[in-house]
C-alpha cells in the first residue's frame, strides 16, 4: 500500500472538513482519518485510507490478498485475507466496511486510489 500523495491528502482533508462542518450542524458523527474512494477492479468503495494502511502494516511477514465483497450486505466491504503459509491453520480475514451513507453523500471531490489485484 502506497502512502497518499500531498495532493491526495489535501483533497481528502478538504472534503473531510466540508463534510464535518455539515455533520456537526446536524449533530452526527464526523468523518475520521483520510477518506478516499478506493477502486478495486472497477468497484469503488469510500473508506478511511489511514485505517486500511494501519491494518496492512500489522500484517508484516504474512501473505495477504485484498478483494471486494459487494453482494452480501447493503454496502460494500473490503476483505483482506491473510495467512502465514497456504497449508497452515494460521489464517484469518479483516472486513472494512464503507463509510456510512450520511457521511459518504457529503464527501465530494475525494481522491480515487486504484488497486490492481
PDB file of N, CA and C in Angstrom:
ATOM      1  N   UNK A   1       0.845  -1.174   0.000  1.00  0.00           N
ATOM      2  CA  UNK A   1       0.000   0.000   0.000  1.00  0.00           C
ATOM      3  C   UNK A   1       0.887   1.233   0.000  1.00  0.00           C
ATOM      4  N   UNK A   2       0.658   2.074  -0.931  1.00  0.00           N
ATOM      5  CA  UNK A   2       1.455   3.289  -1.014  1.00  0.00           C
ATOM      6  C   UNK A   2       0.850   4.382  -0.150  1.00  0.00           C
ATOM      7  N   UNK A   3       1.682   5.301   0.340  1.00  0.00           N
ATOM      8  CA  UNK A   3       1.120   6.444   1.074  1.00  0.00           C
ATOM      9  C   UNK A   3       0.436   7.403   0.107  1.00  0.00           C
ATOM     10  N   UNK A   4      -0.483   8.203   0.634  1.00  0.00           N
ATOM     11  CA  UNK A   4      -1.158   9.200  -0.184  1.00  0.00           C
ATOM     12  C   UNK A   4      -0.184  10.293  -0.568  1.00  0.00           C
ATOM     13  N   UNK A   5      -0.337  10.821  -1.780  1.00  0.00           N
ATOM     14  CA  UNK A   5       0.484  11.941  -2.199  1.00  0.00           C
ATOM     15  C   UNK A   5      -0.004  13.199  -1.492  1.00  0.00           C
ATOM     16  N   UNK A   6       0.771  14.254  -1.558  1.00  0.00           N
ATOM     17  CA  UNK A   6       0.392  15.517  -0.920  1.00  0.00           C
ATOM     18  C   UNK A   6      -0.919  16.046  -1.504  1.00  0.00           C
ATOM     19  N   UNK A   7      -1.089  15.914  -2.815  1.00  0.00           N
ATOM     20  CA  UNK A   7      -2.318  16.378  -3.464  1.00  0.00           C
ATOM     21  C   UNK A   7      -3.522  15.556  -3.008  1.00  0.00           C
ATOM     22  N   UNK A   8      -3.354  14.233  -2.921  1.00  0.00           N
ATOM     23  CA  UNK A   8      -4.446  13.366  -2.469  1.00  0.00           C
ATOM     24  C   UNK A   8      -4.810  13.658  -1.019  1.00  0.00           C
ATOM     25  N   UNK A   9      -3.800  13.887  -0.181  1.00  0.00           N
ATOM     26  CA  UNK A   9      -4.058  14.231   1.221  1.00  0.00           C
ATOM     27  C   UNK A   9      -4.814  15.556   1.325  1.00  0.00           C
ATOM     28  N   UNK A  10      -4.437  16.532   0.501  1.00  0.00           N
ATOM     29  CA  UNK A  10      -5.099  17.839   0.534  1.00  0.00           C
ATOM     30  C   UNK A  10      -6.565  17.708   0.105  1.00  0.00           C
ATOM     31  N   UNK A  11      -6.830  16.932  -0.954  1.00  0.00           N
ATOM     32  CA  UNK A  11      -8.207  16.711  -1.405  1.00  0.00           C
ATOM     33  C   UNK A  11      -9.028  16.008  -0.327  1.00  0.00           C
ATOM     34  N   UNK A  12      -8.442  15.002   0.290  1.00  0.00           N
ATOM     35  CA  UNK A  12      -9.130  14.253   1.340  1.00  0.00           C
ATOM     36  C   UNK A  12      -9.425  15.140   2.544  1.00  0.00           C
ATOM     37  N   UNK A  13      -8.459  15.943   2.936  1.00  0.00           N
ATOM     38  CA  UNK A  13      -8.629  16.825   4.097  1.00  0.00           C
ATOM     39  C   UNK A  13      -9.706  17.879   3.834  1.00  0.00           C
ATOM     40  N   UNK A  14      -9.695  18.467   2.644  1.00  0.00           N
ATOM     41  CA  UNK A  14     -10.691  19.487   2.309  1.00  0.00           C
ATOM     42  C   UNK A  14     -12.101  18.893   2.298  1.00  0.00           C
ATOM     43  N   UNK A  15     -12.251  17.701   1.712  1.00  0.00           N
ATOM     44  CA  UNK A  15     -13.563  17.043   1.674  1.00  0.00           C
ATOM     45  C   UNK A  15     -14.023  16.693   3.085  1.00  0.00           C
ATOM     46  N   UNK A  16     -13.105  16.219   3.916  1.00  0.00           N
ATOM     47  CA  UNK A  16     -13.444  15.857   5.295  1.00  0.00           C
ATOM     48  C   UNK A  16     -13.881  17.085   6.081  1.00  0.00           C
ATOM     49  N   UNK A  17     -13.202  18.216   5.901  1.00  0.00           N
ATOM     50  CA  UNK A  17     -13.565  19.437   6.621  1.00  0.00           C
ATOM     51  C   UNK A  17     -14.950  19.933   6.214  1.00  0.00           C
ATOM     52  N   UNK A  18     -15.242  19.901   4.905  1.00  0.00           N
ATOM     53  CA  UNK A  18     -16.563  20.322   4.436  1.00  0.00           C
ATOM     54  C   UNK A  18     -17.654  19.422   5.011  1.00  0.00           C
ATOM     55  N   UNK A  19     -17.419  18.116   4.963  1.00  0.00           N
ATOM     56  CA  UNK A  19     -18.418  17.167   5.466  1.00  0.00           C
ATOM     57  C   UNK A  19     -18.598  17.304   6.972  1.00  0.00           C
ATOM     58  N   UNK A  20     -17.508  17.431   7.715  1.00  0.00           N
ATOM     59  CA  UNK A  20     -17.611  17.528   9.170  1.00  0.00           C
ATOM     60  C   UNK A  20     -18.330  18.795   9.611  1.00  0.00           C
ATOM     61  N   UNK A  21     -18.178  19.863   8.852  1.00  0.00           N
ATOM     62  CA  UNK A  21     -18.874  21.104   9.179  1.00  0.00           C
ATOM     63  C   UNK A  21     -20.379  20.893   9.102  1.00  0.00           C
ATOM     64  N   UNK A  22     -20.837  20.207   8.050  1.00  0.00           N
ATOM     65  CA  UNK A  22     -22.266  19.939   7.902  1.00  0.00           C
ATOM     66  C   UNK A  22     -22.754  18.901   8.909  1.00  0.00           C
ATOM     67  N   UNK A  23     -21.938  17.878   9.174  1.00  0.00           N
ATOM     68  CA  UNK A  23     -22.326  16.849  10.141  1.00  0.00           C
ATOM     69  C   UNK A  23     -22.415  17.412  11.557  1.00  0.00           C
ATOM     70  N   UNK A  24     -21.525  18.330  11.884  1.00  0.00           N
ATOM     71  CA  UNK A  24     -21.548  18.948  13.206  1.00  0.00           C
ATOM     72  C   UNK A  24     -22.840  19.754  13.389  1.00  0.00           C
ATOM     73  N   UNK A  25     -23.282  20.434  12.343  1.00  0.00           N
ATOM     74  CA  UNK A  25     -24.526  21.198  12.421  1.00  0.00           C
ATOM     75  C   UNK A  25     -25.724  20.270  12.616  1.00  0.00           C
ATOM     76  N   UNK A  26     -25.634  19.055  12.088  1.00  0.00           N
ATOM     77  CA  UNK A  26     -26.718  18.079  12.229  1.00  0.00           C
ATOM     78  C   UNK A  26     -26.528  17.185  13.458  1.00  0.00           C
ATOM     79  N   UNK A  27     -25.441  17.410  14.185  1.00  0.00           N
ATOM     80  CA  UNK A  27     -25.083  16.623  15.384  1.00  0.00           C
ATOM     81  C   UNK A  27     -24.942  15.133  15.076  1.00  0.00           C
ATOM     82  N   UNK A  28     -24.285  14.852  13.967  1.00  0.00           N
ATOM     83  CA  UNK A  28     -23.979  13.483  13.583  1.00  0.00           C
ATOM     84  C   UNK A  28     -22.488  13.247  13.743  1.00  0.00           C
ATOM     85  N   UNK A  29     -22.108  11.981  13.787  1.00  0.00           N
ATOM     86  CA  UNK A  29     -20.705  11.615  13.959  1.00  0.00           C
ATOM     87  C   UNK A  29     -19.890  12.065  12.747  1.00  0.00           C
ATOM     88  N   UNK A  30     -18.729  12.678  13.012  1.00  0.00           N
ATOM     89  CA  UNK A  30     -17.884  13.209  11.953  1.00  0.00           C
ATOM     90  C   UNK A  30     -17.022  12.160  11.287  1.00  0.00           C
ATOM     91  N   UNK A  31     -16.395  12.556  10.190  1.00  0.00           N
ATOM     92  CA  UNK A  31     -15.520  11.701   9.403  1.00  0.00           C
ATOM     93  C   UNK A  31     -14.133  11.721  10.031  1.00  0.00           C
ATOM     94  N   UNK A  32     -13.512  10.563  10.166  1.00  0.00           N
ATOM     95  CA  UNK A  32     -12.169  10.434  10.743  1.00  0.00           C
ATOM     96  C   UNK A  32     -11.183   9.988   9.678  1.00  0.00           C
ATOM     97  N   UNK A  33      -9.904  10.219   9.932  1.00  0.00           N
ATOM     98  CA  UNK A  33      -8.844   9.712   9.062  1.00  0.00           C
ATOM     99  C   UNK A  33      -8.762  10.425   7.738  1.00  0.00           C
ATOM    100  N   UNK A  34      -8.314   9.683   6.725  1.00  0.00           N
ATOM    101  CA  UNK A  34      -8.153  10.193   5.366  1.00  0.00           C
ATOM    102  C   UNK A  34      -9.156   9.491   4.451  1.00  0.00           C
ATOM    103  N   UNK A  35     -10.346  10.056   4.251  1.00  0.00           N
ATOM    104  CA  UNK A  35     -11.315   9.386   3.384  1.00  0.00           C
ATOM    105  C   UNK A  35     -10.881   9.445   1.920  1.00  0.00           C
ATOM    106  N   UNK A  36     -11.014   8.325   1.231  1.00  0.00           N
ATOM    107  CA  UNK A  36     -10.699   8.229  -0.197  1.00  0.00           C
ATOM    108  C   UNK A  36     -11.714   7.295  -0.850  1.00  0.00           C
ATOM    109  N   UNK A  37     -11.756   7.332  -2.165  1.00  0.00           N
ATOM    110  CA  UNK A  37     -12.511   6.343  -2.932  1.00  0.00           C
ATOM    111  C   UNK A  37     -11.486   5.333  -3.425  1.00  0.00           C
ATOM    112  N   UNK A  38     -11.584   4.121  -2.925  1.00  0.00           N
ATOM    113  CA  UNK A  38     -10.683   3.045  -3.318  1.00  0.00           C
ATOM    114  C   UNK A  38     -11.367   2.261  -4.419  1.00  0.00           C
ATOM    115  N   UNK A  39     -10.686   2.038  -5.523  1.00  0.00           N
ATOM    116  CA  UNK A  39     -11.277   1.340  -6.653  1.00  0.00           C
ATOM    117  C   UNK A  39     -10.501   0.056  -6.902  1.00  0.00           C
ATOM    118  N   UNK A  40     -11.210  -1.078  -6.768  1.00  0.00           N
ATOM    119  CA  UNK A  40     -10.601  -2.384  -6.989  1.00  0.00           C
ATOM    120  C   UNK A  40     -11.341  -3.065  -8.129  1.00  0.00           C
ATOM    121  N   UNK A  41     -10.632  -3.293  -9.216  1.00  0.00           N
ATOM    122  CA  UNK A  41     -11.219  -3.920 -10.411  1.00  0.00           C
ATOM    123  C   UNK A  41     -12.498  -3.224 -10.853  1.00  0.00           C
ATOM    124  N   UNK A  42     -12.518  -1.899 -10.795  1.00  0.00           N
ATOM    125  CA  UNK A  42     -13.666  -1.127 -11.244  1.00  0.00           C
ATOM    126  C   UNK A  42     -14.766  -0.947 -10.216  1.00  0.00           C
ATOM    127  N   UNK A  43     -14.634  -1.555  -9.035  1.00  0.00           N
ATOM    128  CA  UNK A  43     -15.639  -1.413  -7.981  1.00  0.00           C
ATOM    129  C   UNK A  43     -15.168  -0.369  -6.966  1.00  0.00           C
ATOM    130  N   UNK A  44     -15.908   0.731  -6.793  1.00  0.00           N
ATOM    131  CA  UNK A  44     -15.485   1.762  -5.843  1.00  0.00           C
ATOM    132  C   UNK A  44     -16.023   1.509  -4.437  1.00  0.00           C
ATOM    133  N   UNK A  45     -15.248   1.939  -3.442  1.00  0.00           N
ATOM    134  CA  UNK A  45     -15.658   1.900  -2.043  1.00  0.00           C
ATOM    135  C   UNK A  45     -15.043   3.128  -1.362  1.00  0.00           C
ATOM    136  N   UNK A  46     -15.837   3.828  -0.570  1.00  0.00           N
ATOM    137  CA  UNK A  46     -15.359   5.019   0.138  1.00  0.00           C
ATOM    138  C   UNK A  46     -15.023   4.592   1.559  1.00  0.00           C
ATOM    139  N   UNK A  47     -13.746   4.753   1.932  1.00  0.00           N
ATOM    140  CA  UNK A  47     -13.327   4.341   3.265  1.00  0.00           C
ATOM    141  C   UNK A  47     -12.168   5.179   3.777  1.00  0.00           C
ATOM    142  N   UNK A  48     -11.777   4.896   5.008  1.00  0.00           N
ATOM    143  CA  UNK A  48     -10.679   5.589   5.674  1.00  0.00           C
ATOM    144  C   UNK A  48      -9.373   4.917   5.257  1.00  0.00           C
ATOM    145  N   UNK A  49      -8.598   5.574   4.409  1.00  0.00           N
ATOM    146  CA  UNK A  49      -7.362   5.010   3.883  1.00  0.00           C
ATOM    147  C   UNK A  49      -6.321   4.838   4.986  1.00  0.00           C
ATOM    148  N   UNK A  50      -6.324   5.743   5.955  1.00  0.00           N
ATOM    149  CA  UNK A  50      -5.390   5.661   7.075  1.00  0.00           C
ATOM    150  C   UNK A  50      -5.597   4.348   7.844  1.00  0.00           C
ATOM    151  N   UNK A  51      -6.850   3.971   8.070  1.00  0.00           N
ATOM    152  CA  UNK A  51      -7.157   2.730   8.780  1.00  0.00           C
ATOM    153  C   UNK A  51      -6.725   1.518   7.957  1.00  0.00           C
ATOM    154  N   UNK A  52      -6.973   1.552   6.651  1.00  0.00           N
ATOM    155  CA  UNK A  52      -6.573   0.455   5.779  1.00  0.00           C
ATOM    156  C   UNK A  52      -5.064   0.254   5.825  1.00  0.00           C
ATOM    157  N   UNK A  53      -4.315   1.321   5.712  1.00  0.00           N
ATOM    158  CA  UNK A  53      -2.845   1.212   5.765  1.00  0.00           C
ATOM    159  C   UNK A  53      -2.379   0.678   7.110  1.00  0.00           C
ATOM    160  N   UNK A  54      -3.041   1.084   8.191  1.00  0.00           N
ATOM    161  CA  UNK A  54      -2.675   0.594   9.529  1.00  0.00           C
ATOM    162  C   UNK A  54      -2.871  -0.922   9.605  1.00  0.00           C
ATOM    163  N   UNK A  55      -3.991  -1.423   9.081  1.00  0.00           N
ATOM    164  CA  UNK A  55      -4.227  -2.863   9.082  1.00  0.00           C
ATOM    165  C   UNK A  55      -3.193  -3.590   8.230  1.00  0.00           C
ATOM    166  N   UNK A  56      -2.869  -3.049   7.060  1.00  0.00           N
ATOM    167  CA  UNK A  56      -1.883  -3.692   6.187  1.00  0.00           C
ATOM    168  C   UNK A  56      -0.520  -3.752   6.875  1.00  0.00           C
ATOM    169  N   UNK A  57      -0.141  -2.688   7.601  1.00  0.00           N
ATOM    170  CA  UNK A  57       1.152  -2.702   8.313  1.00  0.00           C
ATOM    171  C   UNK A  57       1.193  -3.763   9.411  1.00  0.00           C
ATOM    172  N   UNK A  58       0.055  -4.086  10.025  1.00  0.00           N
ATOM    173  CA  UNK A  58       0.038  -5.118  11.062  1.00  0.00           C
ATOM    174  C   UNK A  58       0.216  -6.516  10.481  1.00  0.00           C
ATOM    175  N   UNK A  59       0.082  -6.658   9.176  1.00  0.00           N
ATOM    176  CA  UNK A  59       0.218  -7.953   8.527  1.00  0.00           C
ATOM    177  C   UNK A  59       1.646  -8.214   8.039  1.00  0.00           C
ATOM    178  N   UNK A  60       2.611  -7.568   8.673  1.00  0.00           N
ATOM    179  CA  UNK A  60       4.013  -7.759   8.305  1.00  0.00           C
ATOM    180  C   UNK A  60       4.373  -9.240   8.445  1.00  0.00           C
ATOM    181  N   UNK A  61       5.149  -9.761   7.526  1.00  0.00           N
ATOM    182  CA  UNK A  61       5.588 -11.160   7.487  1.00  0.00           C
ATOM    183  C   UNK A  61       4.443 -12.138   7.219  1.00  0.00           C
ATOM    184  N   UNK A  62       3.352 -11.659   6.661  1.00  0.00           N
ATOM    185  CA  UNK A  62       2.225 -12.513   6.303  1.00  0.00           C
ATOM    186  C   UNK A  62       1.888 -12.272   4.838  1.00  0.00           C
ATOM    187  N   UNK A  63       1.326 -13.266   4.202  1.00  0.00           N
ATOM    188  CA  UNK A  63       0.802 -13.099   2.850  1.00  0.00           C
ATOM    189  C   UNK A  63      -0.625 -12.582   2.978  1.00  0.00           C
ATOM    190  N   UNK A  64      -1.021 -11.705   2.096  1.00  0.00           N
ATOM    191  CA  UNK A  64      -2.386 -11.200   2.153  1.00  0.00           C
ATOM    192  C   UNK A  64      -2.907 -10.933   0.748  1.00  0.00           C
ATOM    193  N   UNK A  65      -4.214 -10.988   0.635  1.00  0.00           N
ATOM    194  CA  UNK A  65      -4.906 -10.773  -0.628  1.00  0.00           C
ATOM    195  C   UNK A  65      -6.107  -9.882  -0.339  1.00  0.00           C
ATOM    196  N   UNK A  66      -6.329  -8.899  -1.182  1.00  0.00           N
ATOM    197  CA  UNK A  66      -7.412  -7.940  -0.965  1.00  0.00           C
ATOM    198  C   UNK A  66      -8.478  -8.142  -2.038  1.00  0.00           C
ATOM    199  N   UNK A  67      -9.751  -8.112  -1.624  1.00  0.00           N
ATOM    200  CA  UNK A  67     -10.850  -8.264  -2.580  1.00  0.00           C
ATOM    201  C   UNK A  67     -12.031  -7.442  -2.104  1.00  0.00           C
ATOM    202  N   UNK A  68     -13.034  -7.340  -2.961  1.00  0.00           N
ATOM    203  CA  UNK A  68     -14.215  -6.544  -2.662  1.00  0.00           C
ATOM    204  C   UNK A  68     -15.424  -7.460  -2.596  1.00  0.00           C
ATOM    205  N   UNK A  69     -16.244  -7.272  -1.557  1.00  0.00           N
ATOM    206  CA  UNK A  69     -17.494  -8.026  -1.410  1.00  0.00           C
ATOM    207  C   UNK A  69     -18.632  -7.030  -1.561  1.00  0.00           C
ATOM    208  N   UNK A  70     -19.378  -7.140  -2.667  1.00  0.00           N
ATOM    209  CA  UNK A  70     -20.464  -6.190  -2.928  1.00  0.00           C
ATOM    210  C   UNK A  70     -21.838  -6.832  -2.855  1.00  0.00           C
ATOM    211  N   UNK A  71     -21.915  -8.129  -2.609  1.00  0.00           N
ATOM    212  CA  UNK A  71     -23.205  -8.795  -2.695  1.00  0.00           C
ATOM    213  C   UNK A  71     -23.768  -9.275  -1.361  1.00  0.00           C
ATOM    214  N   UNK A  72     -23.031  -9.222  -0.270  1.00  0.00           N
ATOM    215  CA  UNK A  72     -23.520  -9.822   0.975  1.00  0.00           C
ATOM    216  C   UNK A  72     -24.284  -8.862   1.881  1.00  0.00           C
ATOM    217  N   UNK A  73     -24.211  -7.579   1.631  1.00  0.00           N
ATOM    218  CA  UNK A  73     -24.884  -6.650   2.522  1.00  0.00           C
ATOM    219  C   UNK A  73     -25.346  -5.402   1.815  1.00  0.00           C
ATOM    220  N   UNK A  74     -25.870  -4.438   2.596  1.00  0.00           N
ATOM    221  CA  UNK A  74     -26.388  -3.218   1.995  1.00  0.00           C
ATOM    222  C   UNK A  74     -25.295  -2.298   1.447  1.00  0.00           C
ATOM    223  N   UNK A  75     -24.087  -2.429   1.964  1.00  0.00           N
ATOM    224  CA  UNK A  75     -22.993  -1.606   1.451  1.00  0.00           C
ATOM    225  C   UNK A  75     -21.766  -2.482   1.239  1.00  0.00           C
ATOM    226  N   UNK A  76     -20.884  -2.086   0.315  1.00  0.00           N
ATOM    227  CA  UNK A  76     -19.729  -2.925   0.006  1.00  0.00           C
ATOM    228  C   UNK A  76     -18.760  -3.023   1.181  1.00  0.00           C
ATOM    229  N   UNK A  77     -17.990  -4.090   1.178  1.00  0.00           N
ATOM    230  CA  UNK A  77     -16.965  -4.312   2.198  1.00  0.00           C
ATOM    231  C   UNK A  77     -15.668  -4.718   1.505  1.00  0.00           C
ATOM    232  N   UNK A  78     -14.573  -4.283   2.072  1.00  0.00           N
ATOM    233  CA  UNK A  78     -13.250  -4.654   1.594  1.00  0.00           C
ATOM    234  C   UNK A  78     -12.794  -5.830   2.450  1.00  0.00           C
ATOM    235  N   UNK A  79     -12.384  -6.922   1.824  1.00  0.00           N
ATOM    236  CA  UNK A  79     -11.987  -8.132   2.540  1.00  0.00           C
ATOM    237  C   UNK A  79     -10.491  -8.341   2.339  1.00  0.00           C
ATOM    238  N   UNK A  80      -9.753  -8.481   3.441  1.00  0.00           N
ATOM    239  CA  UNK A  80      -8.326  -8.764   3.382  1.00  0.00           C
ATOM    240  C   UNK A  80      -8.112 -10.145   3.996  1.00  0.00           C
ATOM    241  N   UNK A  81      -7.761 -11.115   3.167  1.00  0.00           N
ATOM    242  CA  UNK A  81      -7.435 -12.458   3.640  1.00  0.00           C
ATOM    243  C   UNK A  81      -5.947 -12.496   3.934  1.00  0.00           C
ATOM    244  N   UNK A  82      -5.557 -13.057   5.083  1.00  0.00           N
ATOM    245  CA  UNK A  82      -4.138 -13.121   5.419  1.00  0.00           C
ATOM    246  C   UNK A  82      -3.780 -14.489   5.982  1.00  0.00           C
ATOM    247  N   UNK A  83      -2.535 -14.918   5.733  1.00  0.00           N
ATOM    248  CA  UNK A  83      -2.066 -16.220   6.202  1.00  0.00           C
ATOM    249  C   UNK A  83      -0.549 -16.218   6.233  1.00  0.00           C
ATOM    250  N   UNK A  84       0.018 -17.175   6.990  1.00  0.00           N
ATOM    251  CA  UNK A  84       1.472 -17.322   7.055  1.00  0.00           C
ATOM    252  C   UNK A  84       1.938 -18.191   5.894  1.00  0.00           C
ATOM    253  N   UNK A  85       1.329 -19.343   5.725  1.00  0.00           N
ATOM    254  CA  UNK A  85       1.591 -20.164   4.547  1.00  0.00           C
ATOM    255  C   UNK A  85       0.275 -20.782   4.097  1.00  0.00           C
ATOM    256  N   UNK A  86       0.218 -21.207   2.873  1.00  0.00           N
ATOM    257  CA  UNK A  86      -1.051 -21.640   2.297  1.00  0.00           C
ATOM    258  C   UNK A  86      -1.581 -22.940   2.892  1.00  0.00           C
ATOM    259  N   UNK A  87      -0.739 -23.731   3.539  1.00  0.00           N
ATOM    260  CA  UNK A  87      -1.189 -25.010   4.093  1.00  0.00           C
ATOM    261  C   UNK A  87      -1.414 -24.960   5.603  1.00  0.00           C
ATOM    262  N   UNK A  88      -1.066 -23.861   6.245  1.00  0.00           N
ATOM    263  CA  UNK A  88      -1.197 -23.774   7.696  1.00  0.00           C
ATOM    264  C   UNK A  88      -2.566 -23.318   8.151  1.00  0.00           C
ATOM    265  N   UNK A  89      -2.807 -23.460   9.446  1.00  0.00           N
ATOM    266  CA  UNK A  89      -4.074 -23.030  10.030  1.00  0.00           C
ATOM    267  C   UNK A  89      -4.041 -21.582  10.494  1.00  0.00           C
ATOM    268  N   UNK A  90      -2.890 -20.957  10.443  1.00  0.00           N
ATOM    269  CA  UNK A  90      -2.746 -19.578  10.902  1.00  0.00           C
ATOM    270  C   UNK A  90      -3.197 -18.630   9.797  1.00  0.00           C
ATOM    271  N   UNK A  91      -4.493 -18.395   9.751  1.00  0.00           N
ATOM    272  CA  UNK A  91      -5.068 -17.546   8.708  1.00  0.00           C
ATOM    273  C   UNK A  91      -6.255 -16.800   9.277  1.00  0.00           C
ATOM    274  N   UNK A  92      -6.686 -15.800   8.579  1.00  0.00           N
ATOM    275  CA  UNK A  92      -7.837 -15.033   9.026  1.00  0.00           C
ATOM    276  C   UNK A  92      -8.242 -14.015   7.974  1.00  0.00           C
ATOM    277  N   UNK A  93      -9.187 -13.151   8.335  1.00  0.00           N
ATOM    278  CA  UNK A  93      -9.617 -12.120   7.398  1.00  0.00           C
ATOM    279  C   UNK A  93     -10.040 -10.877   8.172  1.00  0.00           C
ATOM    280  N   UNK A  94      -9.967  -9.750   7.478  1.00  0.00           N
ATOM    281  CA  UNK A  94     -10.366  -8.452   8.009  1.00  0.00           C
ATOM    282  C   UNK A  94     -11.409  -7.899   7.053  1.00  0.00           C
ATOM    283  N   UNK A  95     -12.502  -7.377   7.602  1.00  0.00           N
ATOM    284  CA  UNK A  95     -13.534  -6.740   6.783  1.00  0.00           C
ATOM    285  C   UNK A  95     -13.569  -5.254   7.123  1.00  0.00           C
ATOM    286  N   UNK A  96     -13.409  -4.420   6.122  1.00  0.00           N
ATOM    287  CA  UNK A  96     -13.554  -2.977   6.287  1.00  0.00           C
ATOM    288  C   UNK A  96     -14.777  -2.544   5.497  1.00  0.00           C
ATOM    289  N   UNK A  97     -15.740  -1.970   6.195  1.00  0.00           N
ATOM    290  CA  UNK A  97     -16.973  -1.552   5.554  1.00  0.00           C
ATOM    291  C   UNK A  97     -16.885  -0.108   5.076  1.00  0.00           C
ATOM    292  N   UNK A  98     -17.678   0.192   4.088  1.00  0.00           N
ATOM    293  CA  UNK A  98     -17.745   1.531   3.525  1.00  0.00           C
ATOM    294  C   UNK A  98     -18.246   2.513   4.589  1.00  0.00           C
ATOM    295  N   UNK A  99     -17.868   3.783   4.422  1.00  0.00           N
ATOM    296  CA  UNK A  99     -18.354   4.809   5.335  1.00  0.00           C
ATOM    297  C   UNK A  99     -19.876   4.864   5.293  1.00  0.00           C
ATOM    298  N   UNK A 100     -20.524   5.278   6.382  1.00  0.00           N
ATOM    299  CA  UNK A 100     -21.987   5.349   6.392  1.00  0.00           C
ATOM    300  C   UNK A 100     -22.508   6.292   5.306  1.00  0.00           C
ATOM    301  N   UNK A 101     -23.708   6.026   4.801  1.00  0.00           N
ATOM    302  CA  UNK A 101     -24.261   6.846   3.713  1.00  0.00           C
ATOM    303  C   UNK A 101     -24.361   8.332   4.055  1.00  0.00           C
ATOM    304  N   UNK A 102     -24.687   8.676   5.313  1.00  0.00           N
ATOM    305  CA  UNK A 102     -24.807  10.094   5.662  1.00  0.00           C
ATOM    306  C   UNK A 102     -23.458  10.811   5.599  1.00  0.00           C
ATOM    307  N   UNK A 103     -22.350  10.100   5.780  1.00  0.00           N
ATOM    308  CA  UNK A 103     -21.026  10.702   5.615  1.00  0.00           C
ATOM    309  C   UNK A 103     -20.623  10.695   4.140  1.00  0.00           C
ATOM    310  N   UNK A 104     -20.877   9.583   3.480  1.00  0.00           N
ATOM    311  CA  UNK A 104     -20.461   9.408   2.086  1.00  0.00           C
ATOM    312  C   UNK A 104     -21.086  10.454   1.162  1.00  0.00           C
ATOM    313  N   UNK A 105     -22.360  10.775   1.376  1.00  0.00           N
ATOM    314  CA  UNK A 105     -23.028  11.729   0.486  1.00  0.00           C
ATOM    315  C   UNK A 105     -22.474  13.146   0.630  1.00  0.00           C
ATOM    316  N   UNK A 106     -21.844  13.464   1.769  1.00  0.00           N
ATOM    317  CA  UNK A 106     -21.275  14.791   1.973  1.00  0.00           C
ATOM    318  C   UNK A 106     -19.827  14.904   1.496  1.00  0.00           C
ATOM    319  N   UNK A 107     -19.179  13.784   1.273  1.00  0.00           N
ATOM    320  CA  UNK A 107     -17.779  13.787   0.835  1.00  0.00           C
ATOM    321  C   UNK A 107     -17.724  13.882  -0.689  1.00  0.00           C
ATOM    322  N   UNK A 108     -17.296  15.046  -1.169  1.00  0.00           N
ATOM    323  CA  UNK A 108     -17.180  15.241  -2.611  1.00  0.00           C
ATOM    324  C   UNK A 108     -15.737  15.533  -2.962  1.00  0.00           C
ATOM    325  N   UNK A 109     -15.369  15.301  -4.186  1.00  0.00           N
ATOM    326  CA  UNK A 109     -14.019  15.567  -4.702  1.00  0.00           C
ATOM    327  C   UNK A 109     -12.948  14.780  -3.951  1.00  0.00           C
ATOM    328  N   UNK A 110     -13.250  13.536  -3.593  1.00  0.00           N
ATOM    329  CA  UNK A 110     -12.258  12.692  -2.923  1.00  0.00           C
ATOM    330  C   UNK A 110     -11.269  12.142  -3.944  1.00  0.00           C
ATOM    331  N   UNK A 111     -10.024  11.918  -3.538  1.00  0.00           N
ATOM    332  CA  UNK A 111      -9.072  11.282  -4.462  1.00  0.00           C
ATOM    333  C   UNK A 111      -9.477   9.822  -4.695  1.00  0.00           C
ATOM    334  N   UNK A 112      -9.221   9.346  -5.901  1.00  0.00           N
ATOM    335  CA  UNK A 112      -9.527   7.968  -6.273  1.00  0.00           C
ATOM    336  C   UNK A 112      -8.215   7.203  -6.318  1.00  0.00           C
ATOM    337  N   UNK A 113      -8.117   6.147  -5.498  1.00  0.00           N
ATOM    338  CA  UNK A 113      -6.932   5.300  -5.443  1.00  0.00           C
ATOM    339  C   UNK A 113      -7.286   3.972  -6.101  1.00  0.00           C
ATOM    340  N   UNK A 114      -6.571   3.627  -7.171  1.00  0.00           N
ATOM    341  CA  UNK A 114      -6.846   2.384  -7.881  1.00  0.00           C
ATOM    342  C   UNK A 114      -5.889   1.298  -7.407  1.00  0.00           C
ATOM    343  N   UNK A 115      -6.464   0.123  -7.093  1.00  0.00           N
ATOM    344  CA  UNK A 115      -5.659  -1.027  -6.672  1.00  0.00           C
ATOM    345  C   UNK A 115      -5.926  -2.156  -7.643  1.00  0.00           C
ATOM    346  N   UNK A 116      -4.845  -2.727  -8.151  1.00  0.00           N
ATOM    347  CA  UNK A 116      -4.967  -3.862  -9.062  1.00  0.00           C
ATOM    348  C   UNK A 116      -4.711  -5.131  -8.268  1.00  0.00           C
ATOM    349  N   UNK A 117      -5.569  -6.122  -8.470  1.00  0.00           N
ATOM    350  CA  UNK A 117      -5.378  -7.390  -7.748  1.00  0.00           C
ATOM    351  C   UNK A 117      -4.945  -8.482  -8.703  1.00  0.00           C
TER     352      UNK A 117
END
